[in-house]
Amino acid sequence: MARYPNGKLKITKDTDRKPIVLARVRHYLATGDVGHPTCIPAEIVREDNPPEKPSMLERLYYRWYSKEHTGIIRSLHELTEGRFQDGAVARVLAMEFWTRGEAPTLEEFARAWTRAKADERRLLTPEYAYLTDLQHKRAGGEWKKLRKAKAQSALQTLARIARFQA
């Protein structure tokens, strides 16, 4: 949910990540209290579009991280010396900021993305791999078998590289 500057509360298409949902279930089971839904505060929600050429000090407000906002993506690409990739890490990271009620500057977001990308296993779960494969029509009935084969192939490649460099 997001509270807009006009005071209205709107349901969003964004959903909480698995750890948040599990924490809420545990809280409910322990206390019987449902708790409050995640709500992005009005201070960081913008209905208008971001500037076409944002500065590194421009804030990344809710709804401004999107492929359609090419200026934001371009700036993040520049701030990370070309390494920035639009993907699950960036989206999870943006939601982490927003659900804490923060709209980071593009510079702060780029720095956080660089750190998160280096440790992306902490953020991403096997579900992300499945959803990515599903989107690219690679997730059939043999998905786990395919993933295991890919992992085995990667390990064999790494073993060859290690032998070659030794």
Foldseek 3Di string as FASTA:
>chain_A
DEQAPVRDFDDDPDDDDPVVVVVQVVCCVVPVDNDDGQYQYRVQADPDEDDLADDQQAWQGPPHPDVVSVNLVVNLCVLLVNPDDPDDLLVQLCVVQRSVNHGGGSNVSSVVSVVCVVVVVVVDDVVRVQVVCVVVVNRDPCNVVVVVVVVVVVVVVVVVVVVVVD
